[in-house]
Amino acid sequence: MDAALKYKIVERIINTDDDAVLQEVQALLEMESDDFWNTLPKEAETHFDEACEQLDRGEGIPHEEVMEEAKRLFGKK
């Protein structure tokens, strides 16, 4: 990212008195620091690991087939 843009953003943050803006900036920064994987329950991690192993063994269903089935089941009639 451009350093000048960062300085402009910081300047606007410093100069704002709007608590809602500051809360949104804080929320965005916290979102950036949260690693999705670390927020999952252990059980979900286990299921993802098993799914990856299945894909490595060629046991997955291609995306195109899943989409065709979804359209067949849930598509417009």
PDB file of N, CA and C in Angstrom:
ATOM      1  N   MET A   1       0.843  -1.172   0.000  1.00  0.00           N
ATOM      2  CA  MET A   1       0.000   0.000   0.000  1.00  0.00           C
ATOM      3  C   MET A   1       0.889   1.235   0.000  1.00  0.00           C
ATOM      4  N   ASP A   2       0.430   2.253  -0.636  1.00  0.00           N
ATOM      5  CA  ASP A   2       1.116   3.527  -0.738  1.00  0.00           C
ATOM      6  C   ASP A   2       1.249   4.176   0.645  1.00  0.00           C
ATOM      7  N   ALA A   3       2.457   4.597   1.011  1.00  0.00           N
ATOM      8  CA  ALA A   3       2.689   5.223   2.311  1.00  0.00           C
ATOM      9  C   ALA A   3       1.889   6.516   2.453  1.00  0.00           C
ATOM     10  N   ALA A   4       1.758   7.284   1.376  1.00  0.00           N
ATOM     11  CA  ALA A   4       0.999   8.538   1.435  1.00  0.00           C
ATOM     12  C   ALA A   4      -0.462   8.270   1.792  1.00  0.00           C
ATOM     13  N   LEU A   5      -1.017   7.209   1.244  1.00  0.00           N
ATOM     14  CA  LEU A   5      -2.405   6.855   1.560  1.00  0.00           C
ATOM     15  C   LEU A   5      -2.535   6.488   3.030  1.00  0.00           C
ATOM     16  N   LYS A   6      -1.573   5.755   3.545  1.00  0.00           N
ATOM     17  CA  LYS A   6      -1.604   5.393   4.964  1.00  0.00           C
ATOM     18  C   LYS A   6      -1.598   6.638   5.840  1.00  0.00           C
ATOM     19  N   TYR A   7      -0.745   7.598   5.506  1.00  0.00           N
ATOM     20  CA  TYR A   7      -0.681   8.828   6.293  1.00  0.00           C
ATOM     21  C   TYR A   7      -1.987   9.608   6.223  1.00  0.00           C
ATOM     22  N   LYS A   8      -2.612   9.633   5.046  1.00  0.00           N
ATOM     23  CA  LYS A   8      -3.899  10.326   4.911  1.00  0.00           C
ATOM     24  C   LYS A   8      -4.958   9.666   5.775  1.00  0.00           C
ATOM     25  N   ILE A   9      -4.960   8.339   5.788  1.00  0.00           N
ATOM     26  CA  ILE A   9      -5.928   7.601   6.603  1.00  0.00           C
ATOM     27  C   ILE A   9      -5.695   7.873   8.083  1.00  0.00           C
ATOM     28  N   VAL A  10      -4.442   7.800   8.517  1.00  0.00           N
ATOM     29  CA  VAL A  10      -4.108   8.059   9.915  1.00  0.00           C
ATOM     30  C   VAL A  10      -4.510   9.480  10.306  1.00  0.00           C
ATOM     31  N   GLU A  11      -4.248  10.435   9.432  1.00  0.00           N
ATOM     32  CA  GLU A  11      -4.597  11.830   9.707  1.00  0.00           C
ATOM     33  C   GLU A  11      -6.109  11.994   9.888  1.00  0.00           C
ATOM     34  N   ARG A  12      -6.868  11.335   9.027  1.00  0.00           N
ATOM     35  CA  ARG A  12      -8.336  11.432   9.142  1.00  0.00           C
ATOM     36  C   ARG A  12      -8.820  10.782  10.431  1.00  0.00           C
ATOM     37  N   ILE A  13      -8.196   9.679  10.810  1.00  0.00           N
ATOM     38  CA  ILE A  13      -8.573   9.019  12.062  1.00  0.00           C
ATOM     39  C   ILE A  13      -8.273   9.924  13.245  1.00  0.00           C
ATOM     40  N   ILE A  14      -7.100  10.534  13.247  1.00  0.00           N
ATOM     41  CA  ILE A  14      -6.709  11.422  14.346  1.00  0.00           C
ATOM     42  C   ILE A  14      -7.650  12.620  14.442  1.00  0.00           C
ATOM     43  N   ASN A  15      -8.071  13.129  13.313  1.00  0.00           N
ATOM     44  CA  ASN A  15      -8.884  14.346  13.299  1.00  0.00           C
ATOM     45  C   ASN A  15     -10.378  14.114  13.483  1.00  0.00           C
ATOM     46  N   THR A  16     -10.823  12.870  13.479  1.00  0.00           N
ATOM     47  CA  THR A  16     -12.262  12.637  13.613  1.00  0.00           C
ATOM     48  C   THR A  16     -12.698  12.648  15.071  1.00  0.00           C
ATOM     49  N   ASP A  17     -13.895  13.143  15.281  1.00  0.00           N
ATOM     50  CA  ASP A  17     -14.517  13.091  16.596  1.00  0.00           C
ATOM     51  C   ASP A  17     -15.711  12.133  16.587  1.00  0.00           C
ATOM     52  N   ASP A  18     -15.877  11.443  15.486  1.00  0.00           N
ATOM     53  CA  ASP A  18     -17.022  10.551  15.308  1.00  0.00           C
ATOM     54  C   ASP A  18     -16.695   9.175  15.890  1.00  0.00           C
ATOM     55  N   ASP A  19     -17.316   8.863  17.030  1.00  0.00           N
ATOM     56  CA  ASP A  19     -17.051   7.573  17.685  1.00  0.00           C
ATOM     57  C   ASP A  19     -17.423   6.385  16.805  1.00  0.00           C
ATOM     58  N   ALA A  20     -18.473   6.547  15.996  1.00  0.00           N
ATOM     59  CA  ALA A  20     -18.895   5.450  15.119  1.00  0.00           C
ATOM     60  C   ALA A  20     -17.810   5.125  14.107  1.00  0.00           C
ATOM     61  N   VAL A  21     -17.168   6.155  13.567  1.00  0.00           N
ATOM     62  CA  VAL A  21     -16.077   5.936  12.610  1.00  0.00           C
ATOM     63  C   VAL A  21     -14.926   5.216  13.294  1.00  0.00           C
ATOM     64  N   LEU A  22     -14.579   5.660  14.482  1.00  0.00           N
ATOM     65  CA  LEU A  22     -13.474   5.027  15.207  1.00  0.00           C
ATOM     66  C   LEU A  22     -13.778   3.571  15.543  1.00  0.00           C
ATOM     67  N   GLN A  23     -15.022   3.294  15.900  1.00  0.00           N
ATOM     68  CA  GLN A  23     -15.410   1.914  16.202  1.00  0.00           C
ATOM     69  C   GLN A  23     -15.345   1.032  14.954  1.00  0.00           C
ATOM     70  N   GLU A  24     -15.740   1.595  13.811  1.00  0.00           N
ATOM     71  CA  GLU A  24     -15.669   0.834  12.558  1.00  0.00           C
ATOM     72  C   GLU A  24     -14.222   0.554  12.170  1.00  0.00           C
ATOM     73  N   VAL A  25     -13.352   1.543  12.343  1.00  0.00           N
ATOM     74  CA  VAL A  25     -11.927   1.345  12.044  1.00  0.00           C
ATOM     75  C   VAL A  25     -11.364   0.267  12.956  1.00  0.00           C
ATOM     76  N   GLN A  26     -11.714   0.349  14.225  1.00  0.00           N
ATOM     77  CA  GLN A  26     -11.241  -0.671  15.172  1.00  0.00           C
ATOM     78  C   GLN A  26     -11.731  -2.061  14.768  1.00  0.00           C
ATOM     79  N   ALA A  27     -12.996  -2.162  14.393  1.00  0.00           N
ATOM     80  CA  ALA A  27     -13.551  -3.455  13.983  1.00  0.00           C
ATOM     81  C   ALA A  27     -12.832  -3.991  12.758  1.00  0.00           C
ATOM     82  N   LEU A  28     -12.537  -3.113  11.803  1.00  0.00           N
ATOM     83  CA  LEU A  28     -11.809  -3.542  10.602  1.00  0.00           C
ATOM     84  C   LEU A  28     -10.416  -4.052  10.946  1.00  0.00           C
ATOM     85  N   LEU A  29      -9.737  -3.344  11.830  1.00  0.00           N
ATOM     86  CA  LEU A  29      -8.394  -3.764  12.209  1.00  0.00           C
ATOM     87  C   LEU A  29      -8.410  -5.078  12.984  1.00  0.00           C
ATOM     88  N   GLU A  30      -9.413  -5.265  13.816  1.00  0.00           N
ATOM     89  CA  GLU A  30      -9.520  -6.524  14.549  1.00  0.00           C
ATOM     90  C   GLU A  30      -9.841  -7.676  13.606  1.00  0.00           C
ATOM     91  N   MET A  31     -10.669  -7.400  12.586  1.00  0.00           N
ATOM     92  CA  MET A  31     -10.983  -8.427  11.593  1.00  0.00           C
ATOM     93  C   MET A  31      -9.721  -8.883  10.885  1.00  0.00           C
ATOM     94  N   GLU A  32      -8.860  -7.943  10.576  1.00  0.00           N
ATOM     95  CA  GLU A  32      -7.628  -8.248   9.864  1.00  0.00           C
ATOM     96  C   GLU A  32      -6.717  -9.141  10.696  1.00  0.00           C
ATOM     97  N   SER A  33      -6.713  -8.936  12.017  1.00  0.00           N
ATOM     98  CA  SER A  33      -5.802  -9.692  12.868  1.00  0.00           C
ATOM     99  C   SER A  33      -6.344 -11.068  13.249  1.00  0.00           C
ATOM    100  N   ASP A  34      -7.657 -11.265  13.112  1.00  0.00           N
ATOM    101  CA  ASP A  34      -8.234 -12.558  13.440  1.00  0.00           C
ATOM    102  C   ASP A  34      -7.956 -13.555  12.322  1.00  0.00           C
ATOM    103  N   ASP A  35      -7.329 -14.645  12.673  1.00  0.00           N
ATOM    104  CA  ASP A  35      -7.107 -15.713  11.711  1.00  0.00           C
ATOM    105  C   ASP A  35      -8.324 -16.632  11.768  1.00  0.00           C
ATOM    106  N   PHE A  36      -9.002 -16.768  10.648  1.00  0.00           N
ATOM    107  CA  PHE A  36     -10.212 -17.577  10.574  1.00  0.00           C
ATOM    108  C   PHE A  36     -10.004 -18.950  11.205  1.00  0.00           C
ATOM    109  N   TRP A  37      -8.889 -19.562  10.907  1.00  0.00           N
ATOM    110  CA  TRP A  37      -8.617 -20.917  11.393  1.00  0.00           C
ATOM    111  C   TRP A  37      -8.604 -20.964  12.919  1.00  0.00           C
ATOM    112  N   ASN A  38      -8.078 -19.919  13.556  1.00  0.00           N
ATOM    113  CA  ASN A  38      -7.976 -19.897  15.019  1.00  0.00           C
ATOM    114  C   ASN A  38      -9.316 -19.653  15.698  1.00  0.00           C
ATOM    115  N   THR A  39     -10.321 -19.235  14.953  1.00  0.00           N
ATOM    116  CA  THR A  39     -11.624 -18.977  15.557  1.00  0.00           C
ATOM    117  C   THR A  39     -12.554 -20.193  15.474  1.00  0.00           C
ATOM    118  N   LEU A  40     -12.116 -21.239  14.781  1.00  0.00           N
ATOM    119  CA  LEU A  40     -12.955 -22.430  14.619  1.00  0.00           C
ATOM    120  C   LEU A  40     -12.862 -23.349  15.836  1.00  0.00           C
ATOM    121  N   PRO A  41     -13.957 -24.009  16.161  1.00  0.00           N
ATOM    122  CA  PRO A  41     -13.888 -25.040  17.203  1.00  0.00           C
ATOM    123  C   PRO A  41     -13.006 -26.200  16.716  1.00  0.00           C
ATOM    124  N   LYS A  42     -12.416 -26.903  17.659  1.00  0.00           N
ATOM    125  CA  LYS A  42     -11.537 -28.032  17.312  1.00  0.00           C
ATOM    126  C   LYS A  42     -12.258 -29.057  16.449  1.00  0.00           C
ATOM    127  N   GLU A  43     -13.521 -29.284  16.716  1.00  0.00           N
ATOM    128  CA  GLU A  43     -14.291 -30.261  15.939  1.00  0.00           C
ATOM    129  C   GLU A  43     -14.347 -29.851  14.463  1.00  0.00           C
ATOM    130  N   ALA A  44     -14.526 -28.567  14.201  1.00  0.00           N
ATOM    131  CA  ALA A  44     -14.570 -28.087  12.816  1.00  0.00           C
ATOM    132  C   ALA A  44     -13.205 -28.259  12.146  1.00  0.00           C
ATOM    133  N   GLU A  45     -12.135 -27.970  12.890  1.00  0.00           N
ATOM    134  CA  GLU A  45     -10.788 -28.170  12.337  1.00  0.00           C
ATOM    135  C   GLU A  45     -10.587 -29.625  11.943  1.00  0.00           C
ATOM    136  N   THR A  46     -11.042 -30.539  12.797  1.00  0.00           N
ATOM    137  CA  THR A  46     -10.919 -31.964  12.520  1.00  0.00           C
ATOM    138  C   THR A  46     -11.666 -32.330  11.242  1.00  0.00           C
ATOM    139  N   HIS A  47     -12.874 -31.799  11.081  1.00  0.00           N
ATOM    140  CA  HIS A  47     -13.665 -32.085   9.884  1.00  0.00           C
ATOM    141  C   HIS A  47     -12.990 -31.529   8.630  1.00  0.00           C
ATOM    142  N   PHE A  48     -12.427 -30.329   8.721  1.00  0.00           N
ATOM    143  CA  PHE A  48     -11.711 -29.762   7.579  1.00  0.00           C
ATOM    144  C   PHE A  48     -10.498 -30.609   7.223  1.00  0.00           C
ATOM    145  N   ASP A  49      -9.768 -31.051   8.231  1.00  0.00           N
ATOM    146  CA  ASP A  49      -8.596 -31.899   7.983  1.00  0.00           C
ATOM    147  C   ASP A  49      -9.005 -33.193   7.286  1.00  0.00           C
ATOM    148  N   GLU A  50     -10.093 -33.811   7.754  1.00  0.00           N
ATOM    149  CA  GLU A  50     -10.578 -35.042   7.132  1.00  0.00           C
ATOM    150  C   GLU A  50     -11.005 -34.793   5.691  1.00  0.00           C
ATOM    151  N   ALA A  51     -11.661 -33.655   5.455  1.00  0.00           N
ATOM    152  CA  ALA A  51     -12.096 -33.324   4.090  1.00  0.00           C
ATOM    153  C   ALA A  51     -10.893 -33.133   3.171  1.00  0.00           C
ATOM    154  N   CYS A  52      -9.858 -32.478   3.663  1.00  0.00           N
ATOM    155  CA  CYS A  52      -8.648 -32.285   2.845  1.00  0.00           C
ATOM    156  C   CYS A  52      -7.994 -33.622   2.514  1.00  0.00           C
ATOM    157  N   GLU A  53      -7.965 -34.515   3.483  1.00  0.00           N
ATOM    158  CA  GLU A  53      -7.400 -35.844   3.238  1.00  0.00           C
ATOM    159  C   GLU A  53      -8.214 -36.595   2.186  1.00  0.00           C
ATOM    160  N   GLN A  54      -9.534 -36.469   2.251  1.00  0.00           N
ATOM    161  CA  GLN A  54     -10.393 -37.111   1.255  1.00  0.00           C
ATOM    162  C   GLN A  54     -10.110 -36.541  -0.137  1.00  0.00           C
ATOM    163  N   LEU A  55      -9.971 -35.234  -0.229  1.00  0.00           N
ATOM    164  CA  LEU A  55      -9.661 -34.623  -1.523  1.00  0.00           C
ATOM    165  C   LEU A  55      -8.313 -35.096  -2.047  1.00  0.00           C
ATOM    166  N   ASP A  56      -7.337 -35.210  -1.156  1.00  0.00           N
ATOM    167  CA  ASP A  56      -6.013 -35.697  -1.562  1.00  0.00           C
ATOM    168  C   ASP A  56      -6.084 -37.115  -2.124  1.00  0.00           C
ATOM    169  N   ARG A  57      -7.059 -37.896  -1.638  1.00  0.00           N
ATOM    170  CA  ARG A  57      -7.230 -39.266  -2.132  1.00  0.00           C
ATOM    171  C   ARG A  57      -8.132 -39.312  -3.366  1.00  0.00           C
ATOM    172  N   GLY A  58      -8.573 -38.156  -3.834  1.00  0.00           N
ATOM    173  CA  GLY A  58      -9.423 -38.108  -5.024  1.00  0.00           C
ATOM    174  C   GLY A  58     -10.870 -38.462  -4.751  1.00  0.00           C
ATOM    175  N   GLU A  59     -11.299 -38.305  -3.516  1.00  0.00           N
ATOM    176  CA  GLU A  59     -12.654 -38.685  -3.143  1.00  0.00           C
ATOM    177  C   GLU A  59     -13.641 -37.516  -3.188  1.00  0.00           C
ATOM    178  N   GLY A  60     -13.236 -36.385  -3.720  1.00  0.00           N
ATOM    179  CA  GLY A  60     -14.121 -35.225  -3.763  1.00  0.00           C
ATOM    180  C   GLY A  60     -15.056 -35.262  -4.957  1.00  0.00           C
ATOM    181  N   ILE A  61     -16.033 -34.366  -4.927  1.00  0.00           N
ATOM    182  CA  ILE A  61     -16.968 -34.205  -6.040  1.00  0.00           C
ATOM    183  C   ILE A  61     -16.612 -32.901  -6.737  1.00  0.00           C
ATOM    184  N   PRO A  62     -16.385 -32.919  -8.045  1.00  0.00           N
ATOM    185  CA  PRO A  62     -16.031 -31.690  -8.758  1.00  0.00           C
ATOM    186  C   PRO A  62     -17.095 -30.602  -8.597  1.00  0.00           C
ATOM    187  N   HIS A  63     -16.647 -29.372  -8.533  1.00  0.00           N
ATOM    188  CA  HIS A  63     -17.520 -28.215  -8.335  1.00  0.00           C
ATOM    189  C   HIS A  63     -18.658 -28.191  -9.351  1.00  0.00           C
ATOM    190  N   GLU A  64     -18.335 -28.479 -10.608  1.00  0.00           N
ATOM    191  CA  GLU A  64     -19.348 -28.439 -11.660  1.00  0.00           C
ATOM    192  C   GLU A  64     -20.487 -29.411 -11.374  1.00  0.00           C
ATOM    193  N   GLU A  65     -20.162 -30.592 -10.887  1.00  0.00           N
ATOM    194  CA  GLU A  65     -21.194 -31.583 -10.570  1.00  0.00           C
ATOM    195  C   GLU A  65     -22.068 -31.110  -9.408  1.00  0.00           C
ATOM    196  N   VAL A  66     -21.452 -30.516  -8.408  1.00  0.00           N
ATOM    197  CA  VAL A  66     -22.208 -30.011  -7.262  1.00  0.00           C
ATOM    198  C   VAL A  66     -23.160 -28.911  -7.714  1.00  0.00           C
ATOM    199  N   MET A  67     -22.676 -28.003  -8.560  1.00  0.00           N
ATOM    200  CA  MET A  67     -23.515 -26.898  -9.031  1.00  0.00           C
ATOM    201  C   MET A  67     -24.670 -27.418  -9.888  1.00  0.00           C
ATOM    202  N   GLU A  68     -24.413 -28.386 -10.748  1.00  0.00           N
ATOM    203  CA  GLU A  68     -25.476 -28.960 -11.570  1.00  0.00           C
ATOM    204  C   GLU A  68     -26.555 -29.601 -10.702  1.00  0.00           C
ATOM    205  N   GLU A  69     -26.130 -30.320  -9.676  1.00  0.00           N
ATOM    206  CA  GLU A  69     -27.083 -30.959  -8.765  1.00  0.00           C
ATOM    207  C   GLU A  69     -27.883 -29.908  -7.997  1.00  0.00           C
ATOM    208  N   ALA A  70     -27.222 -28.852  -7.544  1.00  0.00           N
ATOM    209  CA  ALA A  70     -27.914 -27.785  -6.821  1.00  0.00           C
ATOM    210  C   ALA A  70     -28.938 -27.104  -7.721  1.00  0.00           C
ATOM    211  N   LYS A  71     -28.574 -26.854  -8.974  1.00  0.00           N
ATOM    212  CA  LYS A  71     -29.517 -26.238  -9.908  1.00  0.00           C
ATOM    213  C   LYS A  71     -30.706 -27.155 -10.153  1.00  0.00           C
ATOM    214  N   ARG A  72     -30.423 -28.445 -10.257  1.00  0.00           N
ATOM    215  CA  ARG A  72     -31.499 -29.401 -10.481  1.00  0.00           C
ATOM    216  C   ARG A  72     -32.450 -29.426  -9.295  1.00  0.00           C
ATOM    217  N   LEU A  73     -31.899 -29.408  -8.083  1.00  0.00           N
ATOM    218  CA  LEU A  73     -32.719 -29.514  -6.894  1.00  0.00           C
ATOM    219  C   LEU A  73     -33.381 -28.191  -6.493  1.00  0.00           C
ATOM    220  N   PHE A  74     -32.664 -27.099  -6.678  1.00  0.00           N
ATOM    221  CA  PHE A  74     -33.140 -25.818  -6.134  1.00  0.00           C
ATOM    222  C   PHE A  74     -33.339 -24.738  -7.192  1.00  0.00           C
ATOM    223  N   GLY A  75     -33.115 -25.078  -8.447  1.00  0.00           N
ATOM    224  CA  GLY A  75     -33.226 -24.094  -9.517  1.00  0.00           C
ATOM    225  C   GLY A  75     -34.661 -23.636  -9.729  1.00  0.00           C
ATOM    226  N   LYS A  76     -34.782 -22.599 -10.531  1.00  0.00           N
ATOM    227  CA  LYS A  76     -36.113 -22.073 -10.835  1.00  0.00           C
ATOM    228  C   LYS A  76     -36.903 -23.106 -11.612  1.00  0.00           C
ATOM    229  N   LYS A  77     -38.189 -23.135 -11.332  1.00  0.00           N
ATOM    230  CA  LYS A  77     -39.053 -24.113 -11.997  1.00  0.00           C
ATOM    231  C   LYS A  77     -39.985 -23.420 -12.934  1.00  0.00           C
TER     232      LYS A  77
END
